[in-house]
N, C-alpha and C. Protein backbone atom coordinates (compact mmCIF):
# COMPACT_ATOMS: atom_id res chain seq x y z
N MET A 1 113.49 115.27 113.71
CA MET A 1 112.26 114.86 113.04
C MET A 1 111.55 113.81 113.88
N ALA A 2 110.27 114.02 114.11
CA ALA A 2 109.49 113.10 114.93
C ALA A 2 109.23 111.81 114.17
N PRO A 3 109.23 110.69 114.87
CA PRO A 3 108.98 109.42 114.19
C PRO A 3 107.55 109.33 113.72
N GLN A 4 107.35 108.64 112.63
CA GLN A 4 106.02 108.36 112.12
C GLN A 4 105.78 106.88 112.29
N PRO A 5 104.76 106.52 113.06
CA PRO A 5 104.49 105.09 113.22
C PRO A 5 104.30 104.42 111.86
N ALA A 6 104.81 103.22 111.77
CA ALA A 6 104.72 102.45 110.53
C ALA A 6 103.27 102.04 110.28
N PRO A 7 102.94 101.75 109.04
CA PRO A 7 101.58 101.28 108.73
C PRO A 7 101.29 99.98 109.48
N PHE A 8 100.01 99.67 109.58
CA PHE A 8 99.61 98.45 110.27
C PHE A 8 100.14 97.23 109.56
N SER A 9 100.66 96.31 110.32
CA SER A 9 101.00 95.03 109.76
C SER A 9 100.61 93.93 110.73
N THR A 10 100.30 94.33 111.95
CA THR A 10 99.86 93.36 112.95
C THR A 10 98.67 93.95 113.68
N PRO A 11 97.84 93.11 114.26
CA PRO A 11 96.65 93.61 114.94
C PRO A 11 97.00 94.37 116.22
N LEU A 12 96.09 95.23 116.62
CA LEU A 12 96.24 95.94 117.88
C LEU A 12 95.85 95.00 119.01
N PRO A 13 96.02 95.45 120.24
CA PRO A 13 95.86 94.54 121.38
C PRO A 13 94.45 94.03 121.55
N ASP A 14 94.36 92.79 121.97
CA ASP A 14 93.09 92.24 122.42
C ASP A 14 92.97 92.63 123.88
N GLU A 15 91.78 92.66 124.38
CA GLU A 15 91.61 92.96 125.80
C GLU A 15 92.37 91.90 126.61
N GLY A 16 93.29 92.35 127.40
CA GLY A 16 94.04 91.46 128.26
C GLY A 16 95.11 90.65 127.56
N GLY A 17 95.24 90.75 126.26
CA GLY A 17 96.24 89.96 125.55
C GLY A 17 97.48 90.75 125.27
N GLU A 18 98.60 90.21 125.63
CA GLU A 18 99.87 90.87 125.37
C GLU A 18 100.71 89.92 124.54
N VAL A 19 101.19 90.40 123.43
CA VAL A 19 101.99 89.57 122.55
C VAL A 19 103.45 89.85 122.85
N VAL A 20 104.16 88.84 123.26
CA VAL A 20 105.58 88.97 123.57
C VAL A 20 106.31 87.93 122.73
N PRO A 21 107.42 88.29 122.13
CA PRO A 21 108.12 87.34 121.28
C PRO A 21 108.54 86.10 122.05
N GLN A 22 108.47 84.96 121.39
CA GLN A 22 108.86 83.71 122.05
C GLN A 22 110.34 83.72 122.38
N ALA A 23 111.14 84.10 121.45
CA ALA A 23 112.58 84.19 121.69
C ALA A 23 112.96 85.64 121.43
N PHE A 24 113.16 86.38 122.51
CA PHE A 24 113.45 87.80 122.37
C PHE A 24 114.86 87.96 121.84
N SER A 25 114.94 88.36 120.61
CA SER A 25 116.21 88.47 119.91
C SER A 25 116.87 89.80 120.20
N SER A 26 118.19 89.82 120.18
CA SER A 26 118.90 91.08 120.34
C SER A 26 118.80 91.90 119.06
N ASP A 27 118.37 91.28 117.99
CA ASP A 27 118.21 91.99 116.72
C ASP A 27 116.76 92.39 116.56
N LEU A 28 116.44 93.59 117.03
CA LEU A 28 115.07 94.08 116.94
C LEU A 28 114.83 94.95 115.72
N ALA A 29 115.86 95.12 114.92
CA ALA A 29 115.77 96.03 113.78
C ALA A 29 114.66 95.63 112.80
N GLU A 30 114.34 94.35 112.74
CA GLU A 30 113.31 93.90 111.80
C GLU A 30 111.93 93.79 112.44
N THR A 31 111.82 94.09 113.73
CA THR A 31 110.55 93.99 114.43
C THR A 31 109.67 95.17 114.05
N GLU A 32 108.41 94.91 113.81
CA GLU A 32 107.45 95.95 113.46
C GLU A 32 107.33 96.95 114.62
N THR A 33 107.19 98.21 114.27
CA THR A 33 107.08 99.27 115.27
C THR A 33 105.91 99.03 116.21
N VAL A 34 104.78 98.60 115.68
CA VAL A 34 103.60 98.37 116.51
C VAL A 34 103.87 97.28 117.55
N ASP A 35 104.65 96.26 117.19
CA ASP A 35 105.00 95.22 118.16
C ASP A 35 105.90 95.78 119.25
N LEU A 36 106.86 96.59 118.85
CA LEU A 36 107.74 97.20 119.85
C LEU A 36 106.94 98.07 120.82
N MET A 37 106.00 98.82 120.29
CA MET A 37 105.17 99.67 121.16
C MET A 37 104.37 98.81 122.13
N ARG A 38 103.85 97.71 121.65
CA ARG A 38 103.08 96.79 122.50
C ARG A 38 103.98 96.24 123.60
N TRP A 39 105.23 95.91 123.26
CA TRP A 39 106.14 95.30 124.21
C TRP A 39 106.63 96.27 125.28
N LEU A 40 106.40 97.55 125.11
CA LEU A 40 106.76 98.51 126.17
C LEU A 40 106.04 98.16 127.47
N ARG A 41 104.90 97.51 127.37
CA ARG A 41 104.10 97.15 128.54
C ARG A 41 104.37 95.71 129.02
N ALA A 42 105.34 95.07 128.44
CA ALA A 42 105.65 93.69 128.83
C ALA A 42 106.10 93.64 130.29
N GLU A 43 105.67 92.61 130.98
CA GLU A 43 106.09 92.42 132.37
C GLU A 43 107.57 92.07 132.46
N ASP A 44 108.06 91.40 131.46
CA ASP A 44 109.48 91.03 131.40
C ASP A 44 110.29 92.30 131.10
N ARG A 45 111.12 92.70 132.04
CA ARG A 45 111.90 93.95 131.89
C ARG A 45 112.86 93.92 130.71
N VAL A 46 113.38 92.76 130.40
CA VAL A 46 114.30 92.65 129.26
C VAL A 46 113.56 92.98 127.98
N THR A 47 112.37 92.44 127.83
CA THR A 47 111.56 92.71 126.64
C THR A 47 111.20 94.19 126.58
N ALA A 48 110.71 94.73 127.68
CA ALA A 48 110.29 96.13 127.71
C ALA A 48 111.45 97.08 127.45
N SER A 49 112.59 96.83 128.07
CA SER A 49 113.73 97.74 127.87
C SER A 49 114.32 97.60 126.47
N GLY A 50 114.31 96.38 125.93
CA GLY A 50 114.79 96.18 124.56
C GLY A 50 113.89 96.90 123.56
N ALA A 51 112.58 96.81 123.79
CA ALA A 51 111.63 97.49 122.91
C ALA A 51 111.82 99.01 122.99
N LYS A 52 111.99 99.51 124.19
CA LYS A 52 112.20 100.95 124.37
C LYS A 52 113.47 101.41 123.67
N ALA A 53 114.54 100.67 123.84
CA ALA A 53 115.81 101.04 123.23
C ALA A 53 115.70 101.06 121.70
N GLU A 54 115.01 100.09 121.13
CA GLU A 54 114.84 100.05 119.68
C GLU A 54 113.96 101.20 119.20
N LEU A 55 112.90 101.52 119.95
CA LEU A 55 112.05 102.65 119.57
C LEU A 55 112.82 103.97 119.63
N VAL A 56 113.64 104.12 120.65
CA VAL A 56 114.48 105.33 120.76
C VAL A 56 115.44 105.38 119.57
N ARG A 57 116.01 104.24 119.22
CA ARG A 57 116.90 104.20 118.07
C ARG A 57 116.17 104.62 116.80
N ARG A 58 114.88 104.31 116.71
CA ARG A 58 114.07 104.69 115.55
C ARG A 58 113.58 106.13 115.60
N GLY A 59 113.92 106.84 116.65
CA GLY A 59 113.57 108.25 116.72
C GLY A 59 112.46 108.60 117.69
N PHE A 60 111.94 107.64 118.42
CA PHE A 60 110.91 107.95 119.40
C PHE A 60 111.53 108.76 120.54
N ASP A 61 110.85 109.85 120.90
CA ASP A 61 111.28 110.64 122.05
C ASP A 61 110.36 110.30 123.22
N THR A 62 110.50 111.05 124.30
CA THR A 62 109.71 110.79 125.50
C THR A 62 108.21 110.86 125.22
N VAL A 63 107.79 111.84 124.43
CA VAL A 63 106.37 112.01 124.11
C VAL A 63 105.86 110.80 123.34
N HIS A 64 106.59 110.38 122.31
CA HIS A 64 106.16 109.24 121.50
C HIS A 64 106.13 107.93 122.31
N LEU A 65 107.08 107.77 123.20
CA LEU A 65 107.08 106.57 124.05
C LEU A 65 105.86 106.56 124.96
N GLU A 66 105.50 107.72 125.50
CA GLU A 66 104.31 107.79 126.36
C GLU A 66 103.04 107.54 125.55
N LEU A 67 102.97 108.07 124.35
CA LEU A 67 101.81 107.79 123.48
C LEU A 67 101.71 106.30 123.19
N ALA A 68 102.84 105.68 122.93
CA ALA A 68 102.85 104.23 122.64
C ALA A 68 102.36 103.44 123.86
N ARG A 69 102.79 103.84 125.05
CA ARG A 69 102.33 103.14 126.26
C ARG A 69 100.82 103.28 126.41
N ARG A 70 100.31 104.48 126.17
CA ARG A 70 98.86 104.71 126.28
C ARG A 70 98.08 103.99 125.19
N LEU A 71 98.66 103.88 124.02
CA LEU A 71 98.01 103.19 122.91
C LEU A 71 97.71 101.73 123.28
N PHE A 72 98.58 101.15 124.11
CA PHE A 72 98.42 99.75 124.51
C PHE A 72 98.05 99.59 125.98
N ASP A 73 97.54 100.66 126.58
CA ASP A 73 97.09 100.56 127.97
C ASP A 73 95.91 99.59 128.03
N PRO A 74 95.88 98.71 129.03
CA PRO A 74 94.77 97.76 129.12
C PRO A 74 93.42 98.42 129.43
N ASP A 75 93.43 99.65 129.91
CA ASP A 75 92.20 100.37 130.25
C ASP A 75 91.69 101.13 129.02
N ALA A 76 90.53 100.76 128.53
CA ALA A 76 89.96 101.39 127.35
C ALA A 76 89.72 102.89 127.55
N ASP A 77 89.42 103.30 128.77
CA ASP A 77 89.22 104.73 129.03
C ASP A 77 90.49 105.53 128.79
N VAL A 78 91.62 104.95 129.10
CA VAL A 78 92.91 105.61 128.84
C VAL A 78 93.09 105.78 127.33
N ARG A 79 92.74 104.76 126.58
CA ARG A 79 92.88 104.82 125.12
C ARG A 79 91.89 105.82 124.52
N LYS A 80 90.67 105.90 125.08
CA LYS A 80 89.70 106.90 124.61
C LYS A 80 90.20 108.32 124.89
N ARG A 81 90.75 108.53 126.08
CA ARG A 81 91.31 109.86 126.41
C ARG A 81 92.46 110.19 125.47
N LEU A 82 93.26 109.19 125.11
CA LEU A 82 94.34 109.40 124.16
C LEU A 82 93.78 109.90 122.83
N ALA A 83 92.72 109.27 122.35
CA ALA A 83 92.11 109.68 121.08
C ALA A 83 91.64 111.13 121.15
N ARG A 84 91.05 111.52 122.26
CA ARG A 84 90.56 112.89 122.41
C ARG A 84 91.69 113.90 122.53
N MET A 85 92.80 113.47 123.10
CA MET A 85 93.93 114.35 123.36
C MET A 85 94.79 114.58 122.11
N LEU A 86 94.92 113.57 121.28
CA LEU A 86 95.85 113.61 120.15
C LEU A 86 95.67 114.81 119.21
N PRO A 87 94.44 115.15 118.81
CA PRO A 87 94.30 116.27 117.88
C PRO A 87 94.85 117.60 118.42
N GLY A 88 94.93 117.75 119.72
CA GLY A 88 95.42 118.98 120.32
C GLY A 88 96.93 119.05 120.47
N LEU A 89 97.62 117.96 120.20
CA LEU A 89 99.08 117.95 120.34
C LEU A 89 99.71 118.58 119.10
N THR A 90 100.54 119.58 119.32
CA THR A 90 101.19 120.25 118.19
C THR A 90 102.51 119.58 117.80
N SER A 91 103.08 118.81 118.70
CA SER A 91 104.39 118.21 118.45
C SER A 91 104.30 116.83 117.82
N VAL A 92 103.09 116.37 117.54
CA VAL A 92 102.89 115.00 117.07
C VAL A 92 101.90 115.00 115.89
N ASP A 93 102.20 114.20 114.89
CA ASP A 93 101.22 113.97 113.83
C ASP A 93 100.20 112.97 114.38
N ALA A 94 99.02 113.45 114.66
CA ALA A 94 98.00 112.63 115.32
C ALA A 94 97.43 111.53 114.43
N VAL A 95 97.47 111.72 113.12
CA VAL A 95 96.77 110.81 112.21
C VAL A 95 97.19 109.35 112.37
N PRO A 96 98.49 109.01 112.31
CA PRO A 96 98.83 107.58 112.44
C PRO A 96 98.36 106.98 113.76
N TRP A 97 98.46 107.75 114.83
CA TRP A 97 98.03 107.26 116.15
C TRP A 97 96.51 107.07 116.16
N MET A 98 95.79 108.00 115.56
CA MET A 98 94.33 107.89 115.51
C MET A 98 93.91 106.70 114.64
N LEU A 99 94.66 106.46 113.58
CA LEU A 99 94.35 105.29 112.75
C LEU A 99 94.55 104.00 113.54
N TRP A 100 95.58 103.95 114.36
CA TRP A 100 95.76 102.76 115.20
C TRP A 100 94.58 102.62 116.15
N LEU A 101 94.16 103.73 116.75
CA LEU A 101 93.03 103.68 117.68
C LEU A 101 91.73 103.32 116.97
N SER A 102 91.63 103.63 115.69
CA SER A 102 90.41 103.29 114.95
C SER A 102 90.29 101.79 114.73
N ARG A 103 91.33 101.04 115.05
CA ARG A 103 91.31 99.57 114.95
C ARG A 103 91.44 98.90 116.31
N ASP A 104 91.17 99.66 117.35
CA ASP A 104 91.28 99.17 118.72
C ASP A 104 90.28 98.04 118.96
N ALA A 105 90.56 97.21 119.95
CA ALA A 105 89.66 96.10 120.29
C ALA A 105 88.35 96.59 120.89
N ASP A 106 88.36 97.75 121.53
CA ASP A 106 87.17 98.29 122.18
C ASP A 106 86.37 99.18 121.22
N PRO A 107 85.09 98.90 121.02
CA PRO A 107 84.30 99.69 120.07
C PRO A 107 84.17 101.16 120.46
N GLU A 108 84.17 101.48 121.74
CA GLU A 108 84.08 102.88 122.18
C GLU A 108 85.33 103.65 121.78
N VAL A 109 86.48 103.00 121.89
CA VAL A 109 87.73 103.63 121.49
C VAL A 109 87.72 103.85 119.97
N ARG A 110 87.30 102.83 119.24
CA ARG A 110 87.23 102.95 117.78
C ARG A 110 86.30 104.09 117.37
N LEU A 111 85.13 104.14 117.99
CA LEU A 111 84.15 105.16 117.65
C LEU A 111 84.70 106.55 117.94
N THR A 112 85.35 106.73 119.06
CA THR A 112 85.93 108.02 119.40
C THR A 112 86.96 108.44 118.36
N ALA A 113 87.86 107.53 118.03
CA ALA A 113 88.91 107.85 117.05
C ALA A 113 88.32 108.14 115.67
N ILE A 114 87.39 107.32 115.25
CA ILE A 114 86.80 107.48 113.92
C ILE A 114 86.00 108.78 113.83
N THR A 115 85.26 109.10 114.87
CA THR A 115 84.49 110.33 114.87
C THR A 115 85.40 111.54 114.73
N LEU A 116 86.52 111.53 115.42
CA LEU A 116 87.47 112.63 115.32
C LEU A 116 88.16 112.65 113.95
N LEU A 117 88.55 111.50 113.46
CA LEU A 117 89.19 111.43 112.15
C LEU A 117 88.25 111.89 111.03
N ALA A 118 86.97 111.63 111.20
CA ALA A 118 86.00 111.95 110.15
C ALA A 118 85.83 113.45 109.95
N THR A 119 86.40 114.26 110.83
CA THR A 119 86.29 115.71 110.67
C THR A 119 87.34 116.27 109.71
N THR A 120 88.20 115.43 109.20
CA THR A 120 89.25 115.89 108.30
C THR A 120 88.68 116.38 106.97
N ALA A 121 89.41 117.26 106.35
CA ALA A 121 89.04 117.73 105.01
C ALA A 121 89.85 117.00 103.94
N ASP A 122 90.73 116.10 104.36
CA ASP A 122 91.60 115.37 103.44
C ASP A 122 90.84 114.20 102.81
N PRO A 123 90.53 114.28 101.51
CA PRO A 123 89.75 113.20 100.87
C PRO A 123 90.45 111.85 100.90
N ALA A 124 91.76 111.83 100.79
CA ALA A 124 92.48 110.55 100.83
C ALA A 124 92.36 109.91 102.21
N LEU A 125 92.45 110.71 103.25
CA LEU A 125 92.31 110.18 104.60
C LEU A 125 90.87 109.73 104.83
N LEU A 126 89.91 110.48 104.32
CA LEU A 126 88.51 110.06 104.45
C LEU A 126 88.27 108.72 103.77
N GLU A 127 88.88 108.51 102.63
CA GLU A 127 88.76 107.21 101.95
C GLU A 127 89.33 106.09 102.79
N GLN A 128 90.50 106.35 103.39
CA GLN A 128 91.14 105.35 104.23
C GLN A 128 90.26 105.03 105.44
N ILE A 129 89.70 106.06 106.05
CA ILE A 129 88.82 105.87 107.21
C ILE A 129 87.57 105.08 106.78
N GLU A 130 87.03 105.44 105.63
CA GLU A 130 85.84 104.76 105.13
C GLU A 130 86.11 103.27 104.95
N GLN A 131 87.27 102.91 104.45
CA GLN A 131 87.62 101.49 104.28
C GLN A 131 87.70 100.79 105.63
N ILE A 132 88.29 101.45 106.61
CA ILE A 132 88.42 100.85 107.95
C ILE A 132 87.05 100.62 108.56
N VAL A 133 86.21 101.66 108.55
CA VAL A 133 84.93 101.56 109.24
C VAL A 133 83.92 100.70 108.50
N SER A 134 84.05 100.57 107.20
CA SER A 134 83.09 99.74 106.45
C SER A 134 83.17 98.28 106.85
N GLN A 135 84.30 97.88 107.44
CA GLN A 135 84.48 96.48 107.85
C GLN A 135 84.22 96.28 109.35
N ASP A 136 83.85 97.36 110.04
CA ASP A 136 83.65 97.28 111.49
C ASP A 136 82.29 96.67 111.81
N PRO A 137 82.22 95.73 112.76
CA PRO A 137 80.94 95.09 113.09
C PRO A 137 80.00 95.95 113.93
N ASP A 138 80.49 97.02 114.55
CA ASP A 138 79.66 97.85 115.43
C ASP A 138 78.70 98.71 114.60
N PRO A 139 77.39 98.65 114.87
CA PRO A 139 76.42 99.41 114.08
C PRO A 139 76.62 100.93 114.15
N ARG A 140 77.09 101.43 115.27
CA ARG A 140 77.34 102.88 115.39
C ARG A 140 78.47 103.29 114.46
N ILE A 141 79.45 102.45 114.34
CA ILE A 141 80.58 102.75 113.45
C ILE A 141 80.14 102.59 112.00
N GLN A 142 79.26 101.64 111.74
CA GLN A 142 78.71 101.49 110.39
C GLN A 142 77.95 102.75 109.97
N ARG A 143 77.20 103.35 110.90
CA ARG A 143 76.49 104.60 110.60
C ARG A 143 77.49 105.71 110.28
N GLN A 144 78.58 105.73 111.00
CA GLN A 144 79.63 106.72 110.74
C GLN A 144 80.20 106.50 109.34
N ALA A 145 80.35 105.25 108.94
CA ALA A 145 80.86 104.92 107.60
C ALA A 145 79.92 105.49 106.54
N ALA A 146 78.63 105.38 106.77
CA ALA A 146 77.66 105.90 105.81
C ALA A 146 77.78 107.43 105.70
N ARG A 147 77.98 108.10 106.83
CA ARG A 147 78.13 109.56 106.81
C ARG A 147 79.40 109.96 106.07
N ILE A 148 80.47 109.23 106.30
CA ILE A 148 81.74 109.53 105.62
C ILE A 148 81.58 109.32 104.12
N SER A 149 80.94 108.23 103.76
CA SER A 149 80.73 107.93 102.34
C SER A 149 79.91 109.03 101.69
N GLN A 150 78.90 109.48 102.38
CA GLN A 150 78.05 110.56 101.86
C GLN A 150 78.86 111.85 101.69
N ARG A 151 79.70 112.16 102.68
CA ARG A 151 80.55 113.35 102.58
C ARG A 151 81.51 113.24 101.41
N ASN A 152 82.11 112.07 101.24
CA ASN A 152 83.05 111.86 100.14
C ASN A 152 82.36 112.02 98.79
N GLY A 153 81.11 111.56 98.71
CA GLY A 153 80.37 111.67 97.47
C GLY A 153 79.99 113.10 97.12
N GLN A 154 79.95 113.96 98.12
CA GLN A 154 79.59 115.37 97.89
C GLN A 154 80.78 116.21 97.48
N ARG A 155 81.97 115.66 97.51
CA ARG A 155 83.18 116.44 97.16
C ARG A 155 83.44 116.40 95.69
């Protein structure tokens, strides 16, 4: 069974900001999945390998580890390509990954993810997307929120 990323509990990466635990504990079982994914890119090999080992223990395979690395790639274009690629992957549930990308620090990445997510026919997912985008400061994303709201009202 493929792992399902946990719901958001911590923010996604800031441009150039990498969050690494102050005291890297051998007990990673209580660490949020999103933090472990972020730490895959840590310069400190102990942190990166510990995060990888814990993610593997949680069921991440090679594909999921690569998605996690791309999710936290410092290059926004890599993250945008990830958003475009995810819907075509048959071995992965794209929705949790797209939801993470919809909260990315880069507005272009968010817009790409939200635009793709907005094509869903799932009313519950549309509601969730609408909540995310309604709080977004980017005017293009706000327009997308209005379109989603209008679609939801027509159902």
